Structure formats: structure tokens, C-alpha cells
Amino acid sequence: EAVEVLFDPKITSYERVTKWFLEIHDPTQQDGQGPDIGQQYRSVIYYLTYEQQETAERLLAQLKKMGYPVVTAVRAAAPFYPAETYHQGYYAKGHGEPYCHWRVERFVLGKNTL
């Protein structure tokens, strides 16, 4: 299972999006997220450019240096295929309650996070 994230680099950076990703899911859980277990739930960052790859690898190295046993992989993006309609809008269908994701601040820059 994957999510395609579209962003405007004039508004936010790839680094900021990647940091957010690494704070709202568990980059240390092998082949799973919370109670969802299996390879389809593994932690992966997909990149489109060499610069994105470098950014992702640098952030993962930073987490490892901070003591996190990171298992998140970094892979070149492949074609993205949206899931069936009944799989869409999970958060809204769950009444806005997180199922297995909650934010853990891992990157702190002075008074600001991310």
C-alpha cells in the first residue's frame, strides 16, 4: 500500500514532506505499521530525482545517528496506480481517528518542528 504525495515546491520542500512522512509513521517497524503486518505495509520512500534520493538518504542517516533503528528503504519511483474506490478516504471513513499513525516529533529545529 502506498500514497502518492503531490506538492508544490514553491510552497513546501521535498525535505519537509519527507520529514513529515518520517514523523507520522514508524520508520523503525519492519514489514508493518502498527497492527498491520506484511510486506505491503513496509516503510519505503520513493523518489523521482537524484536530489530527492539524496535528501531521503540524508534524513534516514540523521535518524540513525540519533539512535533510531531505521528500516525505511529508499527506492526509485515506479508507476503509481490508485487503489479501488472503496479503499479511498480511509481517514474520513474512520471518523477522523488515527488507526495506527500518530505524529512523533523526530526532527526539531530550534523552536520550530519540520
PDB file of N, CA and C in Angstrom:
ATOM      1  N   GLU A   1       0.850  -1.176   0.000  1.00  0.00           N
ATOM      2  CA  GLU A   1       0.000   0.000   0.000  1.00  0.00           C
ATOM      3  C   GLU A   1       0.885   1.224   0.000  1.00  0.00           C
ATOM      4  N   ALA A   2       0.534   2.200  -0.813  1.00  0.00           N
ATOM      5  CA  ALA A   2       1.348   3.410  -0.928  1.00  0.00           C
ATOM      6  C   ALA A   2       0.442   4.616  -1.116  1.00  0.00           C
ATOM      7  N   VAL A   3       1.026   5.762  -0.881  1.00  0.00           N
ATOM      8  CA  VAL A   3       0.328   7.026  -1.081  1.00  0.00           C
ATOM      9  C   VAL A   3       1.169   7.868  -2.022  1.00  0.00           C
ATOM     10  N   GLU A   4       0.528   8.452  -3.016  1.00  0.00           N
ATOM     11  CA  GLU A   4       1.219   9.395  -3.885  1.00  0.00           C
ATOM     12  C   GLU A   4       1.005  10.786  -3.314  1.00  0.00           C
ATOM     13  N   VAL A   5       2.108  11.481  -3.054  1.00  0.00           N
ATOM     14  CA  VAL A   5       2.039  12.822  -2.482  1.00  0.00           C
ATOM     15  C   VAL A   5       2.444  13.826  -3.558  1.00  0.00           C
ATOM     16  N   LEU A   6       1.527  14.720  -3.878  1.00  0.00           N
ATOM     17  CA  LEU A   6       1.818  15.794  -4.818  1.00  0.00           C
ATOM     18  C   LEU A   6       1.986  17.074  -4.013  1.00  0.00           C
ATOM     19  N   PHE A   7       3.040  17.822  -4.312  1.00  0.00           N
ATOM     20  CA  PHE A   7       3.282  19.052  -3.566  1.00  0.00           C
ATOM     21  C   PHE A   7       3.856  20.098  -4.511  1.00  0.00           C
ATOM     22  N   ASP A   8       3.706  21.346  -4.131  1.00  0.00           N
ATOM     23  CA  ASP A   8       4.222  22.461  -4.902  1.00  0.00           C
ATOM     24  C   ASP A   8       5.514  22.922  -4.238  1.00  0.00           C
ATOM     25  N   PRO A   9       6.666  22.745  -4.890  1.00  0.00           N
ATOM     26  CA  PRO A   9       7.932  23.132  -4.271  1.00  0.00           C
ATOM     27  C   PRO A   9       8.060  24.638  -4.036  1.00  0.00           C
ATOM     28  N   LYS A  10       7.156  25.418  -4.569  1.00  0.00           N
ATOM     29  CA  LYS A  10       7.145  26.850  -4.271  1.00  0.00           C
ATOM     30  C   LYS A  10       6.525  27.102  -2.896  1.00  0.00           C
ATOM     31  N   ILE A  11       5.779  26.127  -2.401  1.00  0.00           N
ATOM     32  CA  ILE A  11       5.097  26.264  -1.111  1.00  0.00           C
ATOM     33  C   ILE A  11       5.812  25.477  -0.010  1.00  0.00           C
ATOM     34  N   THR A  12       6.266  24.286  -0.327  1.00  0.00           N
ATOM     35  CA  THR A  12       6.975  23.460   0.649  1.00  0.00           C
ATOM     36  C   THR A  12       8.057  22.667  -0.068  1.00  0.00           C
ATOM     37  N   SER A  13       8.989  22.147   0.673  1.00  0.00           N
ATOM     38  CA  SER A  13      10.104  21.418   0.073  1.00  0.00           C
ATOM     39  C   SER A  13       9.901  19.904   0.179  1.00  0.00           C
ATOM     40  N   TYR A  14      10.621  19.195  -0.667  1.00  0.00           N
ATOM     41  CA  TYR A  14      10.629  17.740  -0.591  1.00  0.00           C
ATOM     42  C   TYR A  14      11.151  17.289   0.776  1.00  0.00           C
ATOM     43  N   GLU A  15      12.144  17.998   1.288  1.00  0.00           N
ATOM     44  CA  GLU A  15      12.679  17.657   2.605  1.00  0.00           C
ATOM     45  C   GLU A  15      11.606  17.764   3.679  1.00  0.00           C
ATOM     46  N   ARG A  16      10.831  18.817   3.636  1.00  0.00           N
ATOM     47  CA  ARG A  16       9.773  18.992   4.639  1.00  0.00           C
ATOM     48  C   ARG A  16       8.721  17.887   4.525  1.00  0.00           C
ATOM     49  N   VAL A  17       8.337  17.542   3.313  1.00  0.00           N
ATOM     50  CA  VAL A  17       7.356  16.465   3.100  1.00  0.00           C
ATOM     51  C   VAL A  17       7.923  15.145   3.626  1.00  0.00           C
ATOM     52  N   THR A  18       9.194  14.896   3.356  1.00  0.00           N
ATOM     53  CA  THR A  18       9.827  13.644   3.791  1.00  0.00           C
ATOM     54  C   THR A  18       9.948  13.585   5.313  1.00  0.00           C
ATOM     55  N   LYS A  19      10.309  14.700   5.930  1.00  0.00           N
ATOM     56  CA  LYS A  19      10.362  14.735   7.395  1.00  0.00           C
ATOM     57  C   LYS A  19       8.988  14.456   7.991  1.00  0.00           C
ATOM     58  N   TRP A  20       7.965  15.055   7.404  1.00  0.00           N
ATOM     59  CA  TRP A  20       6.603  14.829   7.893  1.00  0.00           C
ATOM     60  C   TRP A  20       6.263  13.344   7.807  1.00  0.00           C
ATOM     61  N   PHE A  21       6.573  12.727   6.673  1.00  0.00           N
ATOM     62  CA  PHE A  21       6.340  11.291   6.497  1.00  0.00           C
ATOM     63  C   PHE A  21       7.036  10.492   7.594  1.00  0.00           C
ATOM     64  N   LEU A  22       8.272  10.842   7.881  1.00  0.00           N
ATOM     65  CA  LEU A  22       9.045  10.101   8.880  1.00  0.00           C
ATOM     66  C   LEU A  22       8.575  10.365  10.302  1.00  0.00           C
ATOM     67  N   GLU A  23       7.715  11.343  10.479  1.00  0.00           N
ATOM     68  CA  GLU A  23       7.147  11.618  11.800  1.00  0.00           C
ATOM     69  C   GLU A  23       5.728  11.082  11.964  1.00  0.00           C
ATOM     70  N   ILE A  24       5.032  10.795  10.876  1.00  0.00           N
ATOM     71  CA  ILE A  24       3.645  10.326  11.020  1.00  0.00           C
ATOM     72  C   ILE A  24       3.492   8.831  10.780  1.00  0.00           C
ATOM     73  N   HIS A  25       4.585   8.157  10.556  1.00  0.00           N
ATOM     74  CA  HIS A  25       4.542   6.699  10.524  1.00  0.00           C
ATOM     75  C   HIS A  25       5.796   6.204  11.231  1.00  0.00           C
ATOM     76  N   ASP A  26       5.891   4.916  11.460  1.00  0.00           N
ATOM     77  CA  ASP A  26       7.015   4.359  12.203  1.00  0.00           C
ATOM     78  C   ASP A  26       8.085   3.851  11.240  1.00  0.00           C
ATOM     79  N   PRO A  27       9.186   4.607  11.095  1.00  0.00           N
ATOM     80  CA  PRO A  27      10.236   4.170  10.173  1.00  0.00           C
ATOM     81  C   PRO A  27      11.117   3.063  10.747  1.00  0.00           C
ATOM     82  N   THR A  28      10.781   2.573  11.949  1.00  0.00           N
ATOM     83  CA  THR A  28      11.585   1.537  12.592  1.00  0.00           C
ATOM     84  C   THR A  28      10.904   0.176  12.603  1.00  0.00           C
ATOM     85  N   GLN A  29       9.672   0.105  12.153  1.00  0.00           N
ATOM     86  CA  GLN A  29       8.949  -1.172  12.191  1.00  0.00           C
ATOM     87  C   GLN A  29       9.144  -1.923  10.879  1.00  0.00           C
ATOM     88  N   GLN A  30       9.699  -3.113  10.958  1.00  0.00           N
ATOM     89  CA  GLN A  30       9.960  -3.941   9.788  1.00  0.00           C
ATOM     90  C   GLN A  30       8.675  -4.573   9.274  1.00  0.00           C
ATOM     91  N   ASP A  31       8.388  -4.398   7.994  1.00  0.00           N
ATOM     92  CA  ASP A  31       7.241  -5.028   7.325  1.00  0.00           C
ATOM     93  C   ASP A  31       5.936  -4.848   8.084  1.00  0.00           C
ATOM     94  N   GLY A  32       5.646  -3.623   8.469  1.00  0.00           N
ATOM     95  CA  GLY A  32       4.384  -3.360   9.136  1.00  0.00           C
ATOM     96  C   GLY A  32       4.275  -1.926   9.591  1.00  0.00           C
ATOM     97  N   GLN A  33       3.057  -1.577   9.957  1.00  0.00           N
ATOM     98  CA  GLN A  33       2.775  -0.288  10.577  1.00  0.00           C
ATOM     99  C   GLN A  33       1.724  -0.544  11.638  1.00  0.00           C
ATOM    100  N   GLY A  34       2.115  -0.364  12.900  1.00  0.00           N
ATOM    101  CA  GLY A  34       1.184  -0.649  13.989  1.00  0.00           C
ATOM    102  C   GLY A  34       0.739  -2.096  13.915  1.00  0.00           C
ATOM    103  N   PRO A  35      -0.577  -2.325  13.995  1.00  0.00           N
ATOM    104  CA  PRO A  35      -1.078  -3.696  13.977  1.00  0.00           C
ATOM    105  C   PRO A  35      -1.140  -4.303  12.574  1.00  0.00           C
ATOM    106  N   ASP A  36      -0.861  -3.515  11.531  1.00  0.00           N
ATOM    107  CA  ASP A  36      -0.898  -4.026  10.162  1.00  0.00           C
ATOM    108  C   ASP A  36       0.458  -4.610   9.816  1.00  0.00           C
ATOM    109  N   ILE A  37       0.499  -5.913   9.583  1.00  0.00           N
ATOM    110  CA  ILE A  37       1.746  -6.617   9.361  1.00  0.00           C
ATOM    111  C   ILE A  37       1.749  -7.217   7.955  1.00  0.00           C
ATOM    112  N   GLY A  38       2.894  -7.122   7.312  1.00  0.00           N
ATOM    113  CA  GLY A  38       3.067  -7.690   5.979  1.00  0.00           C
ATOM    114  C   GLY A  38       3.894  -6.763   5.112  1.00  0.00           C
ATOM    115  N   GLN A  39       4.473  -7.316   4.041  1.00  0.00           N
ATOM    116  CA  GLN A  39       5.328  -6.520   3.167  1.00  0.00           C
ATOM    117  C   GLN A  39       4.599  -5.339   2.541  1.00  0.00           C
ATOM    118  N   GLN A  40       3.292  -5.454   2.347  1.00  0.00           N
ATOM    119  CA  GLN A  40       2.549  -4.338   1.751  1.00  0.00           C
ATOM    120  C   GLN A  40       2.510  -3.125   2.676  1.00  0.00           C
ATOM    121  N   TYR A  41       2.907  -3.289   3.942  1.00  0.00           N
ATOM    122  CA  TYR A  41       2.929  -2.185   4.899  1.00  0.00           C
ATOM    123  C   TYR A  41       4.357  -1.726   5.219  1.00  0.00           C
ATOM    124  N   ARG A  42       5.344  -2.232   4.500  1.00  0.00           N
ATOM    125  CA  ARG A  42       6.734  -1.860   4.784  1.00  0.00           C
ATOM    126  C   ARG A  42       6.965  -0.378   4.521  1.00  0.00           C
ATOM    127  N   SER A  43       7.955   0.151   5.167  1.00  0.00           N
ATOM    128  CA  SER A  43       8.277   1.564   5.082  1.00  0.00           C
ATOM    129  C   SER A  43       9.250   1.815   3.925  1.00  0.00           C
ATOM    130  N   VAL A  44       8.789   2.594   2.941  1.00  0.00           N
ATOM    131  CA  VAL A  44       9.607   2.907   1.773  1.00  0.00           C
ATOM    132  C   VAL A  44       9.383   4.358   1.382  1.00  0.00           C
ATOM    133  N   ILE A  45      10.454   5.028   1.008  1.00  0.00           N
ATOM    134  CA  ILE A  45      10.363   6.358   0.408  1.00  0.00           C
ATOM    135  C   ILE A  45      10.718   6.190  -1.062  1.00  0.00           C
ATOM    136  N   TYR A  46       9.813   6.597  -1.936  1.00  0.00           N
ATOM    137  CA  TYR A  46      10.062   6.534  -3.371  1.00  0.00           C
ATOM    138  C   TYR A  46      10.468   7.922  -3.859  1.00  0.00           C
ATOM    139  N   TYR A  47      11.477   7.969  -4.689  1.00  0.00           N
ATOM    140  CA  TYR A  47      11.964   9.254  -5.184  1.00  0.00           C
ATOM    141  C   TYR A  47      11.853   9.328  -6.706  1.00  0.00           C
ATOM    142  N   LEU A  48      11.789  10.567  -7.199  1.00  0.00           N
ATOM    143  CA  LEU A  48      11.721  10.817  -8.640  1.00  0.00           C
ATOM    144  C   LEU A  48      13.037  11.350  -9.201  1.00  0.00           C
ATOM    145  N   THR A  49      13.839  12.005  -8.361  1.00  0.00           N
ATOM    146  CA  THR A  49      15.085  12.607  -8.831  1.00  0.00           C
ATOM    147  C   THR A  49      16.236  12.194  -7.919  1.00  0.00           C
ATOM    148  N   TYR A  50      17.431  12.404  -8.428  1.00  0.00           N
ATOM    149  CA  TYR A  50      18.622  12.118  -7.629  1.00  0.00           C
ATOM    150  C   TYR A  50      18.652  12.992  -6.378  1.00  0.00           C
ATOM    151  N   GLU A  51      18.213  14.226  -6.505  1.00  0.00           N
ATOM    152  CA  GLU A  51      18.186  15.135  -5.358  1.00  0.00           C
ATOM    153  C   GLU A  51      17.234  14.621  -4.276  1.00  0.00           C
ATOM    154  N   GLN A  52      16.084  14.098  -4.687  1.00  0.00           N
ATOM    155  CA  GLN A  52      15.142  13.525  -3.720  1.00  0.00           C
ATOM    156  C   GLN A  52      15.755  12.296  -3.050  1.00  0.00           C
ATOM    157  N   GLN A  53      16.434  11.474  -3.814  1.00  0.00           N
ATOM    158  CA  GLN A  53      17.089  10.292  -3.250  1.00  0.00           C
ATOM    159  C   GLN A  53      18.109  10.712  -2.195  1.00  0.00           C
ATOM    160  N   GLU A  54      18.941  11.690  -2.529  1.00  0.00           N
ATOM    161  CA  GLU A  54      19.947  12.173  -1.580  1.00  0.00           C
ATOM    162  C   GLU A  54      19.311  12.719  -0.307  1.00  0.00           C
ATOM    163  N   THR A  55      18.227  13.472  -0.463  1.00  0.00           N
ATOM    164  CA  THR A  55      17.533  14.042   0.692  1.00  0.00           C
ATOM    165  C   THR A  55      17.002  12.936   1.592  1.00  0.00           C
ATOM    166  N   ALA A  56      16.322  11.958   1.008  1.00  0.00           N
ATOM    167  CA  ALA A  56      15.757  10.856   1.792  1.00  0.00           C
ATOM    168  C   ALA A  56      16.859  10.097   2.526  1.00  0.00           C
ATOM    169  N   GLU A  57      17.938   9.784   1.832  1.00  0.00           N
ATOM    170  CA  GLU A  57      19.029   9.036   2.457  1.00  0.00           C
ATOM    171  C   GLU A  57      19.694   9.853   3.571  1.00  0.00           C
ATOM    172  N   ARG A  58      19.833  11.150   3.375  1.00  0.00           N
ATOM    173  CA  ARG A  58      20.424  12.009   4.404  1.00  0.00           C
ATOM    174  C   ARG A  58      19.551  12.043   5.657  1.00  0.00           C
ATOM    175  N   LEU A  59      18.228  12.161   5.469  1.00  0.00           N
ATOM    176  CA  LEU A  59      17.316  12.205   6.613  1.00  0.00           C
ATOM    177  C   LEU A  59      17.295  10.876   7.364  1.00  0.00           C
ATOM    178  N   LEU A  60      17.339   9.774   6.637  1.00  0.00           N
ATOM    179  CA  LEU A  60      17.378   8.464   7.293  1.00  0.00           C
ATOM    180  C   LEU A  60      18.691   8.297   8.068  1.00  0.00           C
ATOM    181  N   ALA A  61      19.787   8.763   7.490  1.00  0.00           N
ATOM    182  CA  ALA A  61      21.079   8.702   8.190  1.00  0.00           C
ATOM    183  C   ALA A  61      21.037   9.553   9.452  1.00  0.00           C
ATOM    184  N   GLN A  62      20.379  10.688   9.367  1.00  0.00           N
ATOM    185  CA  GLN A  62      20.243  11.559  10.543  1.00  0.00           C
ATOM    186  C   GLN A  62      19.477  10.847  11.649  1.00  0.00           C
ATOM    187  N   LEU A  63      18.385  10.178  11.293  1.00  0.00           N
ATOM    188  CA  LEU A  63      17.621   9.427  12.300  1.00  0.00           C
ATOM    189  C   LEU A  63      18.459   8.309  12.913  1.00  0.00           C
ATOM    190  N   LYS A  64      19.199   7.604  12.072  1.00  0.00           N
ATOM    191  CA  LYS A  64      20.058   6.529  12.582  1.00  0.00           C
ATOM    192  C   LYS A  64      21.098   7.089  13.553  1.00  0.00           C
ATOM    193  N   LYS A  65      21.664   8.244  13.214  1.00  0.00           N
ATOM    194  CA  LYS A  65      22.662   8.877  14.083  1.00  0.00           C
ATOM    195  C   LYS A  65      22.039   9.273  15.419  1.00  0.00           C
ATOM    196  N   MET A  66      20.734   9.563  15.416  1.00  0.00           N
ATOM    197  CA  MET A  66      20.018   9.924  16.639  1.00  0.00           C
ATOM    198  C   MET A  66      19.625   8.686  17.443  1.00  0.00           C
ATOM    199  N   GLY A  67      19.921   7.483  16.920  1.00  0.00           N
ATOM    200  CA  GLY A  67      19.661   6.258  17.652  1.00  0.00           C
ATOM    201  C   GLY A  67      18.434   5.474  17.217  1.00  0.00           C
ATOM    202  N   TYR A  68      17.731   5.941  16.197  1.00  0.00           N
ATOM    203  CA  TYR A  68      16.567   5.204  15.715  1.00  0.00           C
ATOM    204  C   TYR A  68      17.021   4.033  14.849  1.00  0.00           C
ATOM    205  N   PRO A  69      16.496   2.828  15.103  1.00  0.00           N
ATOM    206  CA  PRO A  69      16.848   1.665  14.281  1.00  0.00           C
ATOM    207  C   PRO A  69      15.998   1.657  12.989  1.00  0.00           C
ATOM    208  N   VAL A  70      16.307   2.566  12.088  1.00  0.00           N
ATOM    209  CA  VAL A  70      15.514   2.807  10.884  1.00  0.00           C
ATOM    210  C   VAL A  70      15.591   1.626   9.918  1.00  0.00           C
ATOM    211  N   VAL A  71      14.435   1.223   9.406  1.00  0.00           N
ATOM    212  CA  VAL A  71      14.361   0.168   8.395  1.00  0.00           C
ATOM    213  C   VAL A  71      13.767   0.687   7.082  1.00  0.00           C
ATOM    214  N   THR A  72      13.396   1.945   7.025  1.00  0.00           N
ATOM    215  CA  THR A  72      12.805   2.530   5.826  1.00  0.00           C
ATOM    216  C   THR A  72      13.770   2.392   4.655  1.00  0.00           C
ATOM    217  N   ALA A  73      13.256   1.895   3.538  1.00  0.00           N
ATOM    218  CA  ALA A  73      14.046   1.756   2.319  1.00  0.00           C
ATOM    219  C   ALA A  73      13.842   2.983   1.439  1.00  0.00           C
ATOM    220  N   VAL A  74      14.787   3.211   0.537  1.00  0.00           N
ATOM    221  CA  VAL A  74      14.688   4.290  -0.442  1.00  0.00           C
ATOM    222  C   VAL A  74      14.768   3.639  -1.818  1.00  0.00           C
ATOM    223  N   ARG A  75      13.741   3.867  -2.643  1.00  0.00           N
ATOM    224  CA  ARG A  75      13.645   3.220  -3.953  1.00  0.00           C
ATOM    225  C   ARG A  75      13.231   4.231  -5.024  1.00  0.00           C
ATOM    226  N   ALA A  76      13.644   3.958  -6.243  1.00  0.00           N
ATOM    227  CA  ALA A  76      13.190   4.765  -7.377  1.00  0.00           C
ATOM    228  C   ALA A  76      11.690   4.546  -7.564  1.00  0.00           C
ATOM    229  N   ALA A  77      10.989   5.621  -7.856  1.00  0.00           N
ATOM    230  CA  ALA A  77       9.540   5.532  -8.057  1.00  0.00           C
ATOM    231  C   ALA A  77       9.222   4.720  -9.304  1.00  0.00           C
ATOM    232  N   ALA A  78       8.161   3.971  -9.213  1.00  0.00           N
ATOM    233  CA  ALA A  78       7.613   3.206 -10.334  1.00  0.00           C
ATOM    234  C   ALA A  78       6.237   3.793 -10.632  1.00  0.00           C
ATOM    235  N   PRO A  79       5.591   3.357 -11.686  1.00  0.00           N
ATOM    236  CA  PRO A  79       4.235   3.881 -11.939  1.00  0.00           C
ATOM    237  C   PRO A  79       3.337   3.680 -10.719  1.00  0.00           C
ATOM    238  N   PHE A  80       2.529   4.679 -10.420  1.00  0.00           N
ATOM    239  CA  PHE A  80       1.611   4.634  -9.282  1.00  0.00           C
ATOM    240  C   PHE A  80       0.215   4.325  -9.799  1.00  0.00           C
ATOM    241  N   TYR A  81      -0.441   3.379  -9.172  1.00  0.00           N
ATOM    242  CA  TYR A  81      -1.807   3.003  -9.541  1.00  0.00           C
ATOM    243  C   TYR A  81      -2.709   3.198  -8.326  1.00  0.00           C
ATOM    244  N   PRO A  82      -3.668   4.112  -8.396  1.00  0.00           N
ATOM    245  CA  PRO A  82      -4.574   4.315  -7.256  1.00  0.00           C
ATOM    246  C   PRO A  82      -5.354   3.039  -6.939  1.00  0.00           C
ATOM    247  N   ALA A  83      -5.619   2.857  -5.667  1.00  0.00           N
ATOM    248  CA  ALA A  83      -6.410   1.705  -5.217  1.00  0.00           C
ATOM    249  C   ALA A  83      -7.865   1.885  -5.627  1.00  0.00           C
ATOM    250  N   GLU A  84      -8.625   0.828  -5.462  1.00  0.00           N
ATOM    251  CA  GLU A  84     -10.043   0.862  -5.777  1.00  0.00           C
ATOM    252  C   GLU A  84     -10.743   1.921  -4.926  1.00  0.00           C
ATOM    253  N   THR A  85     -11.860   2.404  -5.404  1.00  0.00           N
ATOM    254  CA  THR A  85     -12.612   3.465  -4.748  1.00  0.00           C
ATOM    255  C   THR A  85     -12.924   3.124  -3.292  1.00  0.00           C
ATOM    256  N   TYR A  86     -13.283   1.884  -3.011  1.00  0.00           N
ATOM    257  CA  TYR A  86     -13.656   1.537  -1.639  1.00  0.00           C
ATOM    258  C   TYR A  86     -12.479   1.616  -0.670  1.00  0.00           C
ATOM    259  N   HIS A  87     -11.244   1.696  -1.193  1.00  0.00           N
ATOM    260  CA  HIS A  87     -10.075   1.860  -0.330  1.00  0.00           C
ATOM    261  C   HIS A  87      -9.737   3.333  -0.097  1.00  0.00           C
ATOM    262  N   GLN A  88     -10.385   4.242  -0.802  1.00  0.00           N
ATOM    263  CA  GLN A  88     -10.060   5.664  -0.718  1.00  0.00           C
ATOM    264  C   GLN A  88     -10.735   6.315   0.496  1.00  0.00           C
ATOM    265  N   GLY A  89     -10.148   7.389   0.988  1.00  0.00           N
ATOM    266  CA  GLY A  89     -10.750   8.159   2.080  1.00  0.00           C
ATOM    267  C   GLY A  89     -10.798   7.433   3.408  1.00  0.00           C
ATOM    268  N   TYR A  90      -9.787   6.610   3.678  1.00  0.00           N
ATOM    269  CA  TYR A  90      -9.802   5.793   4.889  1.00  0.00           C
ATOM    270  C   TYR A  90      -9.912   6.634   6.156  1.00  0.00           C
ATOM    271  N   TYR A  91      -9.144   7.718   6.220  1.00  0.00           N
ATOM    272  CA  TYR A  91      -9.158   8.559   7.419  1.00  0.00           C
ATOM    273  C   TYR A  91     -10.546   9.141   7.656  1.00  0.00           C
ATOM    274  N   ALA A  92     -11.169   9.635   6.596  1.00  0.00           N
ATOM    275  CA  ALA A  92     -12.516  10.201   6.723  1.00  0.00           C
ATOM    276  C   ALA A  92     -13.521   9.114   7.100  1.00  0.00           C
ATOM    277  N   LYS A  93     -13.380   7.946   6.527  1.00  0.00           N
ATOM    278  CA  LYS A  93     -14.292   6.837   6.843  1.00  0.00           C
ATOM    279  C   LYS A  93     -14.110   6.358   8.281  1.00  0.00           C
ATOM    280  N   GLY A  94     -12.910   6.569   8.832  1.00  0.00           N
ATOM    281  CA  GLY A  94     -12.635   6.187  10.221  1.00  0.00           C
ATOM    282  C   GLY A  94     -12.983   7.302  11.182  1.00  0.00           C
ATOM    283  N   HIS A  95     -13.813   8.240  10.731  1.00  0.00           N
ATOM    284  CA  HIS A  95     -14.295   9.343  11.556  1.00  0.00           C
ATOM    285  C   HIS A  95     -13.164  10.246  12.039  1.00  0.00           C
ATOM    286  N   GLY A  96     -12.095  10.344  11.230  1.00  0.00           N
ATOM    287  CA  GLY A  96     -11.004  11.245  11.564  1.00  0.00           C
ATOM    288  C   GLY A  96     -10.123  10.779  12.705  1.00  0.00           C
ATOM    289  N   GLU A  97     -10.233   9.527  13.071  1.00  0.00           N
ATOM    290  CA  GLU A  97      -9.406   8.984  14.156  1.00  0.00           C
ATOM    291  C   GLU A  97      -8.251   8.193  13.554  1.00  0.00           C
ATOM    292  N   PRO A  98      -7.025   8.433  14.023  1.00  0.00           N
ATOM    293  CA  PRO A  98      -5.903   7.655  13.503  1.00  0.00           C
ATOM    294  C   PRO A  98      -6.030   6.190  13.893  1.00  0.00           C
ATOM    295  N   TYR A  99      -5.650   5.314  13.003  1.00  0.00           N
ATOM    296  CA  TYR A  99      -5.727   3.877  13.249  1.00  0.00           C
ATOM    297  C   TYR A  99      -4.393   3.371  13.790  1.00  0.00           C
ATOM    298  N   CYS A 100      -3.332   3.652  13.066  1.00  0.00           N
ATOM    299  CA  CYS A 100      -2.019   3.213  13.553  1.00  0.00           C
ATOM    300  C   CYS A 100      -0.963   4.287  13.356  1.00  0.00           C
ATOM    301  N   HIS A 101      -1.378   5.487  13.017  1.00  0.00           N
ATOM    302  CA  HIS A 101      -0.426   6.564  12.789  1.00  0.00           C
ATOM    303  C   HIS A 101      -0.691   7.716  13.747  1.00  0.00           C
ATOM    304  N   TRP A 102       0.342   8.227  14.318  1.00  0.00           N
ATOM    305  CA  TRP A 102       0.280   9.431  15.124  1.00  0.00           C
ATOM    306  C   TRP A 102       1.653  10.074  15.004  1.00  0.00           C
ATOM    307  N   ARG A 103       1.700  11.353  15.178  1.00  0.00           N
ATOM    308  CA  ARG A 103       2.950  12.067  14.965  1.00  0.00           C
ATOM    309  C   ARG A 103       3.884  11.913  16.155  1.00  0.00           C
ATOM    310  N   VAL A 104       5.115  11.566  15.833  1.00  0.00           N
ATOM    311  CA  VAL A 104       6.201  11.523  16.802  1.00  0.00           C
ATOM    312  C   VAL A 104       7.251  12.499  16.282  1.00  0.00           C
ATOM    313  N   GLU A 105       7.476  13.589  17.007  1.00  0.00           N
ATOM    314  CA  GLU A 105       8.441  14.593  16.560  1.00  0.00           C
ATOM    315  C   GLU A 105       9.846  14.019  16.651  1.00  0.00           C
ATOM    316  N   ARG A 106      10.440  13.816  15.494  1.00  0.00           N
ATOM    317  CA  ARG A 106      11.802  13.293  15.430  1.00  0.00           C
ATOM    318  C   ARG A 106      12.791  14.358  14.969  1.00  0.00           C
ATOM    319  N   PHE A 107      12.305  15.346  14.241  1.00  0.00           N
ATOM    320  CA  PHE A 107      13.156  16.422  13.735  1.00  0.00           C
ATOM    321  C   PHE A 107      12.721  17.709  14.413  1.00  0.00           C
ATOM    322  N   VAL A 108      13.611  18.313  15.165  1.00  0.00           N
ATOM    323  CA  VAL A 108      13.292  19.568  15.840  1.00  0.00           C
ATOM    324  C   VAL A 108      14.367  20.576  15.464  1.00  0.00           C
ATOM    325  N   LEU A 109      13.917  21.710  14.958  1.00  0.00           N
ATOM    326  CA  LEU A 109      14.843  22.773  14.549  1.00  0.00           C
ATOM    327  C   LEU A 109      14.564  23.995  15.399  1.00  0.00           C
ATOM    328  N   GLY A 110      15.288  24.135  16.494  1.00  0.00           N
ATOM    329  CA  GLY A 110      15.052  25.263  17.388  1.00  0.00           C
ATOM    330  C   GLY A 110      13.643  25.203  17.939  1.00  0.00           C
ATOM    331  N   LYS A 111      12.894  26.294  17.788  1.00  0.00           N
ATOM    332  CA  LYS A 111      11.516  26.347  18.279  1.00  0.00           C
ATOM    333  C   LYS A 111      10.551  25.700  17.297  1.00  0.00           C
ATOM    334  N   ASN A 112      10.965  25.556  16.058  1.00  0.00           N
ATOM    335  CA  ASN A 112      10.071  25.032  15.026  1.00  0.00           C
ATOM    336  C   ASN A 112      10.342  23.563  14.779  1.00  0.00           C
ATOM    337  N   THR A 113       9.302  22.832  14.446  1.00  0.00           N
ATOM    338  CA  THR A 113       9.484  21.456  14.021  1.00  0.00           C
ATOM    339  C   THR A 113       9.349  21.412  12.516  1.00  0.00           C
ATOM    340  N   LEU A 114       9.962  20.441  11.941  1.00  0.00           N
ATOM    341  CA  LEU A 114       9.990  20.270  10.499  1.00  0.00           C
ATOM    342  C   LEU A 114      10.597  21.494   9.888  1.00  0.00           C
TER     343      LEU A 114
END
